[in-house]
C-alpha atoms as a PDB file:
ATOM      1  CA  MET A   1      36.398   9.743  -2.292  1.00  0.00           C
ATOM      2  CA  GLY A   2      37.099   6.801  -0.012  1.00  0.00           C
ATOM      3  CA  ILE A   3      37.899   3.157  -1.154  1.00  0.00           C
ATOM      4  CA  GLU A   4      34.510   1.989   0.299  1.00  0.00           C
ATOM      5  CA  ARG A   5      32.740   4.427  -2.001  1.00  0.00           C
ATOM      6  CA  VAL A   6      34.773   3.278  -4.969  1.00  0.00           C
ATOM      7  CA  ASN A   7      34.033  -0.261  -4.264  1.00  0.00           C
ATOM      8  CA  SER A   8      30.381   0.551  -3.953  1.00  0.00           C
ATOM      9  CA  ARG A   9      30.323   2.241  -7.313  1.00  0.00           C
ATOM     10  CA  ILE A  10      32.218  -0.682  -8.916  1.00  0.00           C
ATOM     11  CA  ALA A  11      29.673  -3.117  -7.394  1.00  0.00           C
ATOM     12  CA  ASP A  12      26.823  -0.902  -8.742  1.00  0.00           C
ATOM     13  CA  ILE A  13      28.289  -0.987 -12.300  1.00  0.00           C
ATOM     14  CA  GLN A  14      28.865  -4.722 -12.114  1.00  0.00           C
ATOM     15  CA  SER A  15      25.258  -5.268 -11.094  1.00  0.00           C
ATOM     16  CA  ARG A  16      24.146  -3.093 -13.937  1.00  0.00           C
ATOM     17  CA  MET A  17      26.155  -5.261 -16.404  1.00  0.00           C
ATOM     18  CA  ILE A  18      24.500  -8.433 -15.135  1.00  0.00           C
ATOM     19  CA  ALA A  19      21.048  -6.833 -15.215  1.00  0.00           C
ATOM     20  CA  LEU A  20      21.471  -5.858 -18.807  1.00  0.00           C
ATOM     21  CA  GLN A  21      20.811  -9.529 -19.757  1.00  0.00           C
ATOM     22  CA  THR A  22      17.122  -8.946 -19.027  1.00  0.00           C
ATOM     23  CA  GLN A  23      15.257  -5.826 -20.141  1.00  0.00           C
ATOM     24  CA  GLN A  24      13.244  -5.224 -16.980  1.00  0.00           C
ATOM     25  CA  ALA A  25      16.094  -5.656 -14.569  1.00  0.00           C
ATOM     26  CA  GLY A  26      18.325  -3.504 -16.718  1.00  0.00           C
ATOM     27  CA  ARG A  27      15.803  -0.638 -16.516  1.00  0.00           C
ATOM     28  CA  ASN A  28      15.650  -0.951 -12.802  1.00  0.00           C
ATOM     29  CA  VAL A  29      19.428  -0.916 -12.348  1.00  0.00           C
ATOM     30  CA  GLN A  30      19.937   1.828 -14.825  1.00  0.00           C
ATOM     31  CA  ALA A  31      17.528   4.062 -12.925  1.00  0.00           C
ATOM     32  CA  GLN A  32      19.299   3.449  -9.600  1.00  0.00           C
ATOM     33  CA  SER A  33      22.723   4.016 -11.237  1.00  0.00           C
ATOM     34  CA  THR A  34      21.660   7.286 -12.751  1.00  0.00           C
ATOM     35  CA  LYS A  35      20.236   8.523  -9.506  1.00  0.00           C
ATOM     36  CA  SER A  36      23.364   7.679  -7.442  1.00  0.00           C
ATOM     37  CA  ALA A  37      25.823   8.993  -9.962  1.00  0.00           C
ATOM     38  CA  SER A  38      24.076  12.270 -10.392  1.00  0.00           C
ATOM     39  CA  GLY A  39      24.132  13.412  -6.861  1.00  0.00           C
ATOM     40  CA  ALA A  40      27.444  11.983  -5.646  1.00  0.00           C
ATOM     41  CA  GLU A  41      30.862  13.484  -5.347  1.00  0.00           C
ATOM     42  CA  GLY A  42      33.377  11.970  -7.737  1.00  0.00           C
ATOM     43  CA  GLY A  43      30.753  11.725 -10.314  1.00  0.00           C
ATOM     44  CA  THR A  44      33.561  11.808 -12.967  1.00  0.00           C
ATOM     45  CA  PHE A  45      34.797   8.396 -12.047  1.00  0.00           C
ATOM     46  CA  ALA A  46      31.155   6.996 -11.959  1.00  0.00           C
ATOM     47  CA  SER A  47      30.583   8.615 -15.325  1.00  0.00           C
ATOM     48  CA  TYR A  48      33.598   6.884 -16.909  1.00  0.00           C
ATOM     49  CA  LEU A  49      32.565   3.580 -15.573  1.00  0.00           C
ATOM     50  CA  GLU A  50      28.992   4.045 -16.655  1.00  0.00           C
ATOM     51  CA  ASN A  51      30.105   5.141 -20.140  1.00  0.00           C
ATOM     52  CA  ALA A  52      32.299   2.063 -20.430  1.00  0.00           C
ATOM     53  CA  VAL A  53      29.482  -0.239 -19.445  1.00  0.00           C
ATOM     54  CA  ALA A  54      27.152   1.503 -21.969  1.00  0.00           C
ATOM     55  CA  GLN A  55      29.664   0.976 -24.806  1.00  0.00           C
ATOM     56  CA  GLU A  56      28.485  -2.643 -25.091  1.00  0.00           C
ATOM     57  CA  PRO A  57      26.875  -2.674 -28.546  1.00  0.00           C
ATOM     58  CA  ALA A  58      23.115  -3.645 -28.506  1.00  0.00           C
ATOM     59  CA  ALA A  59      23.998  -6.291 -31.177  1.00  0.00           C
ATOM     60  CA  LYS A  60      25.926  -8.174 -28.580  1.00  0.00           C
ATOM     61  CA  LYS A  61      22.906  -8.549 -26.200  1.00  0.00           C
ATOM     62  CA  SER A  62      20.958 -11.710 -25.861  1.00  0.00           C
ATOM     63  CA  TYR A  63      18.004 -12.072 -28.280  1.00  0.00           C
ATOM     64  CA  THR A  64      17.119 -14.070 -31.288  1.00  0.00           C
ATOM     65  CA  LEU A  65      15.696 -13.091 -34.633  1.00  0.00           C
ATOM     66  CA  ASN A  66      13.081 -14.746 -36.785  1.00  0.00           C
ATOM     67  CA  GLY A  67      13.477 -15.250 -40.601  1.00  0.00           C
ATOM     68  CA  LYS A  68      12.366 -11.781 -41.249  1.00  0.00           C
ATOM     69  CA  GLY A  69      14.918 -10.178 -38.888  1.00  0.00           C
ATOM     70  CA  ILE A  70      12.371  -9.428 -36.181  1.00  0.00           C
ATOM     71  CA  PRO A  71      13.316 -10.201 -32.567  1.00  0.00           C
ATOM     72  CA  THR A  72      11.317 -13.322 -31.558  1.00  0.00           C
ATOM     73  CA  ASP A  73      10.253 -11.674 -28.257  1.00  0.00           C
ATOM     74  CA  LEU A  74       8.561  -8.870 -30.328  1.00  0.00           C
ATOM     75  CA  ALA A  75       7.122 -11.123 -33.002  1.00  0.00           C
ATOM     76  CA  ALA A  76       5.083 -12.917 -30.436  1.00  0.00           C
ATOM     77  CA  TYR A  77       3.198  -9.733 -29.911  1.00  0.00           C
ATOM     78  CA  GLY A  78       2.628  -8.538 -33.441  1.00  0.00           C
ATOM     79  CA  ASN A  79       3.430  -5.332 -35.261  1.00  0.00           C
ATOM     80  CA  GLY A  80       2.054  -2.331 -33.472  1.00  0.00           C
ATOM     81  CA  LYS A  81       1.035  -4.347 -30.375  1.00  0.00           C
ATOM     82  CA  ILE A  82       4.393  -4.252 -28.488  1.00  0.00           C
ATOM     83  CA  PRO A  83       3.808  -3.861 -24.729  1.00  0.00           C
ATOM     84  CA  ALA A  84       5.353  -0.971 -22.824  1.00  0.00           C
ATOM     85  CA  SER A  85       7.530  -3.426 -20.863  1.00  0.00           C
ATOM     86  CA  ALA A  86       9.480  -4.181 -24.131  1.00  0.00           C
ATOM     87  CA  LEU A  87       9.983  -0.573 -24.997  1.00  0.00           C
ATOM     88  CA  GLU A  88      12.425   1.891 -23.620  1.00  0.00           C
ATOM     89  CA  ARG A  89      12.548   5.688 -23.789  1.00  0.00           C
ATOM     90  CA  VAL A  90      14.839   7.591 -26.001  1.00  0.00           C
ATOM     91  CA  GLY A  91      16.593  10.143 -23.877  1.00  0.00           C
ATOM     92  CA  ASP A  92      14.348  12.494 -22.032  1.00  0.00           C
ATOM     93  CA  THR A  93      11.648  12.434 -24.748  1.00  0.00           C
ATOM     94  CA  ARG A  94       8.280  10.800 -24.918  1.00  0.00           C
ATOM     95  CA  HIS A  95       9.565   8.488 -27.707  1.00  0.00           C
ATOM     96  CA  LYS A  96      10.157   4.820 -27.179  1.00  0.00           C
ATOM     97  CA  LEU A  97      11.778   2.056 -29.144  1.00  0.00           C
ATOM     98  CA  TRP A  98      12.448  -1.694 -28.590  1.00  0.00           C
ATOM     99  CA  ALA A  99      15.011  -1.621 -25.597  1.00  0.00           C
ATOM    100  CA  PRO A 100      18.146  -2.610 -27.559  1.00  0.00           C
ATOM    101  CA  ALA A 101      17.333  -0.007 -30.336  1.00  0.00           C
ATOM    102  CA  ALA A 102      16.668   2.761 -27.753  1.00  0.00           C
ATOM    103  CA  GLU A 103      19.910   2.026 -25.930  1.00  0.00           C
ATOM    104  CA  SER A 104      21.858   2.145 -29.085  1.00  0.00           C
ATOM    105  CA  LEU A 105      20.120   5.382 -30.329  1.00  0.00           C
ATOM    106  CA  ASN A 106      20.780   6.994 -26.925  1.00  0.00           C
ATOM    107  CA  ARG A 107      24.422   6.132 -27.262  1.00  0.00           C
ATOM    108  CA  MET A 108      24.570   7.383 -30.855  1.00  0.00           C
ATOM    109  CA  ILE A 109      22.812  10.726 -29.945  1.00  0.00           C
ATOM    110  CA  LYS A 110      25.252  11.188 -26.966  1.00  0.00           C
ATOM    111  CA  ASP A 111      28.378  10.369 -29.124  1.00  0.00           C
ATOM    112  CA  ALA A 112      27.104  12.790 -31.890  1.00  0.00           C
ATOM    113  CA  LYS A 113      26.527  15.564 -29.345  1.00  0.00           C
ATOM    114  CA  ARG A 114      30.172  15.201 -28.128  1.00  0.00           C
ATOM    115  CA  GLU A 115      31.220  15.883 -31.755  1.00  0.00           C
ATOM    116  CA  GLY A 116      29.115  18.995 -31.946  1.00  0.00           C
ATOM    117  CA  VAL A 117      26.247  17.281 -33.910  1.00  0.00           C
ATOM    118  CA  ASP A 118      22.569  17.558 -32.650  1.00  0.00           C
ATOM    119  CA  ILE A 119      20.174  14.727 -33.515  1.00  0.00           C
ATOM    120  CA  GLY A 120      16.569  15.140 -32.667  1.00  0.00           C
ATOM    121  CA  ILE A 121      13.671  12.570 -32.732  1.00  0.00           C
ATOM    122  CA  THR A 122      10.273  13.241 -34.195  1.00  0.00           C
ATOM    123  CA  ASP A 123       8.779   9.777 -34.267  1.00  0.00           C
ATOM    124  CA  SER A 124       9.383   6.205 -32.827  1.00  0.00           C
ATOM    125  CA  TYR A 125       7.317   3.268 -31.878  1.00  0.00           C
ATOM    126  CA  ARG A 126       3.926   3.414 -33.746  1.00  0.00           C
ATOM    127  CA  PRO A 127       0.967   1.393 -32.308  1.00  0.00           C
ATOM    128  CA  TYR A 128      -1.241  -0.376 -35.020  1.00  0.00           C
ATOM    129  CA  GLU A 129      -3.996   2.197 -34.624  1.00  0.00           C
ATOM    130  CA  GLU A 130      -1.614   5.026 -35.321  1.00  0.00           C
ATOM    131  CA  GLN A 131      -0.253   3.192 -38.441  1.00  0.00           C
ATOM    132  CA  VAL A 132      -3.882   2.996 -39.823  1.00  0.00           C
ATOM    133  CA  ASP A 133      -4.452   6.680 -39.087  1.00  0.00           C
ATOM    134  CA  LEU A 134      -1.138   7.643 -40.780  1.00  0.00           C
ATOM    135  CA  ALA A 135      -1.869   5.566 -43.879  1.00  0.00           C
ATOM    136  CA  ARG A 136      -5.203   7.249 -44.174  1.00  0.00           C
ATOM    137  CA  ARG A 137      -3.747  10.776 -43.826  1.00  0.00           C
ATOM    138  CA  LYS A 138      -0.532  10.394 -45.712  1.00  0.00           C
ATOM    139  CA  GLY A 139      -1.200   7.580 -48.157  1.00  0.00           C
ATOM    140  CA  LEU A 140       0.653   4.262 -48.571  1.00  0.00           C
ATOM    141  CA  TYR A 141       4.307   4.483 -49.587  1.00  0.00           C
ATOM    142  CA  SER A 142       3.727   1.925 -52.352  1.00  0.00           C
ATOM    143  CA  GLN A 143       1.260   4.409 -53.923  1.00  0.00           C
ATOM    144  CA  GLY A 144       3.467   7.544 -53.565  1.00  0.00           C
ATOM    145  CA  GLY A 145       2.496   8.414 -50.001  1.00  0.00           C
ATOM    146  CA  LEU A 146       4.622   8.250 -46.820  1.00  0.00           C
ATOM    147  CA  ALA A 147       3.118   5.377 -44.744  1.00  0.00           C
ATOM    148  CA  ALA A 148       3.914   1.674 -44.724  1.00  0.00           C
ATOM    149  CA  LYS A 149       1.003  -0.671 -44.998  1.00  0.00           C
ATOM    150  CA  PRO A 150      -0.450  -0.936 -41.377  1.00  0.00           C
ATOM    151  CA  GLY A 151       0.969  -3.965 -39.646  1.00  0.00           C
ATOM    152  CA  THR A 152       4.182  -3.958 -41.647  1.00  0.00           C
ATOM    153  CA  SER A 153       5.944  -0.749 -40.345  1.00  0.00           C
ATOM    154  CA  GLU A 154       9.290  -0.877 -38.840  1.00  0.00           C
ATOM    155  CA  HIS A 155       7.910   1.724 -36.370  1.00  0.00           C
ATOM    156  CA  GLY A 156       5.367  -0.915 -35.372  1.00  0.00           C
ATOM    157  CA  TRP A 157       8.216  -3.149 -34.125  1.00  0.00           C
ATOM    158  CA  GLY A 158       9.828  -0.262 -32.160  1.00  0.00           C
ATOM    159  CA  MET A 159      12.867  -0.611 -34.463  1.00  0.00           C
ATOM    160  CA  ALA A 160      12.738   2.578 -36.426  1.00  0.00           C
ATOM    161  CA  ALA A 161      12.975   6.323 -35.580  1.00  0.00           C
ATOM    162  CA  ASP A 162      12.327   9.414 -37.665  1.00  0.00           C
ATOM    163  CA  LEU A 163      15.054  11.860 -36.715  1.00  0.00           C
ATOM    164  CA  ASP A 164      15.186  15.613 -36.985  1.00  0.00           C
ATOM    165  CA  LEU A 165      18.510  16.125 -38.970  1.00  0.00           C
ATOM    166  CA  ASN A 166      19.991  19.265 -40.257  1.00  0.00           C
ATOM    167  CA  PRO A 167      22.564  18.763 -43.146  1.00  0.00           C
ATOM    168  CA  LYS A 168      25.501  18.328 -40.845  1.00  0.00           C
ATOM    169  CA  ALA A 169      23.580  15.751 -38.650  1.00  0.00           C
ATOM    170  CA  LEU A 170      22.425  13.810 -41.775  1.00  0.00           C
ATOM    171  CA  SER A 171      26.020  13.691 -43.070  1.00  0.00           C
ATOM    172  CA  TRP A 172      27.220  12.442 -39.611  1.00  0.00           C
ATOM    173  CA  MET A 173      24.437   9.741 -39.608  1.00  0.00           C
ATOM    174  CA  ARG A 174      25.455   8.546 -43.025  1.00  0.00           C
ATOM    175  CA  GLN A 175      29.081   8.184 -41.931  1.00  0.00           C
ATOM    176  CA  ASN A 176      28.417   6.767 -38.470  1.00  0.00           C
ATOM    177  CA  ALA A 177      24.946   5.218 -37.974  1.00  0.00           C
ATOM    178  CA  GLU A 178      25.994   1.744 -39.075  1.00  0.00           C
ATOM    179  CA  LYS A 179      28.302   1.455 -36.077  1.00  0.00           C
ATOM    180  CA  TYR A 180      25.200   1.742 -33.854  1.00  0.00           C
ATOM    181  CA  GLY A 181      23.129  -0.681 -35.950  1.00  0.00           C
ATOM    182  CA  PHE A 182      21.089   1.940 -37.771  1.00  0.00           C
ATOM    183  CA  GLU A 183      20.617   2.229 -41.427  1.00  0.00           C
ATOM    184  CA  GLU A 184      18.792   4.630 -43.832  1.00  0.00           C
ATOM    185  CA  ASN A 185      16.645   2.234 -45.672  1.00  0.00           C
ATOM    186  CA  VAL A 186      13.665   4.044 -47.160  1.00  0.00           C
ATOM    187  CA  PRO A 187      14.146   6.050 -50.335  1.00  0.00           C
ATOM    188  CA  ARG A 188      12.652   9.556 -50.211  1.00  0.00           C
ATOM    189  CA  GLU A 189      12.872   9.518 -46.405  1.00  0.00           C
ATOM    190  CA  SER A 190      16.243  10.691 -45.187  1.00  0.00           C
ATOM    191  CA  TRP A 191      14.800  11.131 -41.735  1.00  0.00           C
ATOM    192  CA  HIS A 192      13.742   7.448 -41.435  1.00  0.00           C
ATOM    193  CA  TRP A 193      16.510   5.262 -39.708  1.00  0.00           C
ATOM    194  CA  ALA A 194      15.914   1.621 -38.886  1.00  0.00           C
ATOM    195  CA  PHE A 195      17.725  -0.447 -36.256  1.00  0.00           C
ATOM    196  CA  LYS A 196      18.973  -3.644 -37.764  1.00  0.00           C
ATOM    197  CA  PRO A 197      20.164  -6.058 -35.000  1.00  0.00           C
ATOM    198  CA  ALA A 198      22.917  -8.444 -35.951  1.00  0.00           C
END
């Protein structure tokens, strides 16, 4: 690998770091970085640099929270009414979360996999209409069911995921999830993990 290629990769990573300050720009740079790293020789070096950049905790990213712990940029839209531009995919699934939550969950899933632990995802952001349907079908949690009152769900903020966890994965989550900003906060639901930004 020539020095020009190394310098080019470093410049790409630096650009990505700057772009992380804004969600939209971050998504564009990430897509370009992934594309260039996957097909290039010397991918190991690029992978190390990319992983180092990805290690920045979501909690250190620039956003503010309201008095209820909801990011102000999301609160302006309302629970279950978050636009696609504020959401990011979890891995290669159809599931989406608020961008910092998705980034942290992606990092956590990747780190767990390196330790031989598989974490799947079964549910994520839930629009208001889906919250209403779920409450109708599964009943309200306050009445013994499994659904939050529509308009109050952590899923409606894109800040909670229902995970597919075998006993080994659940144990790993209970030991490590806090490092990634996630907590198990709903009794009776060991699959529900909420992102709690600092």
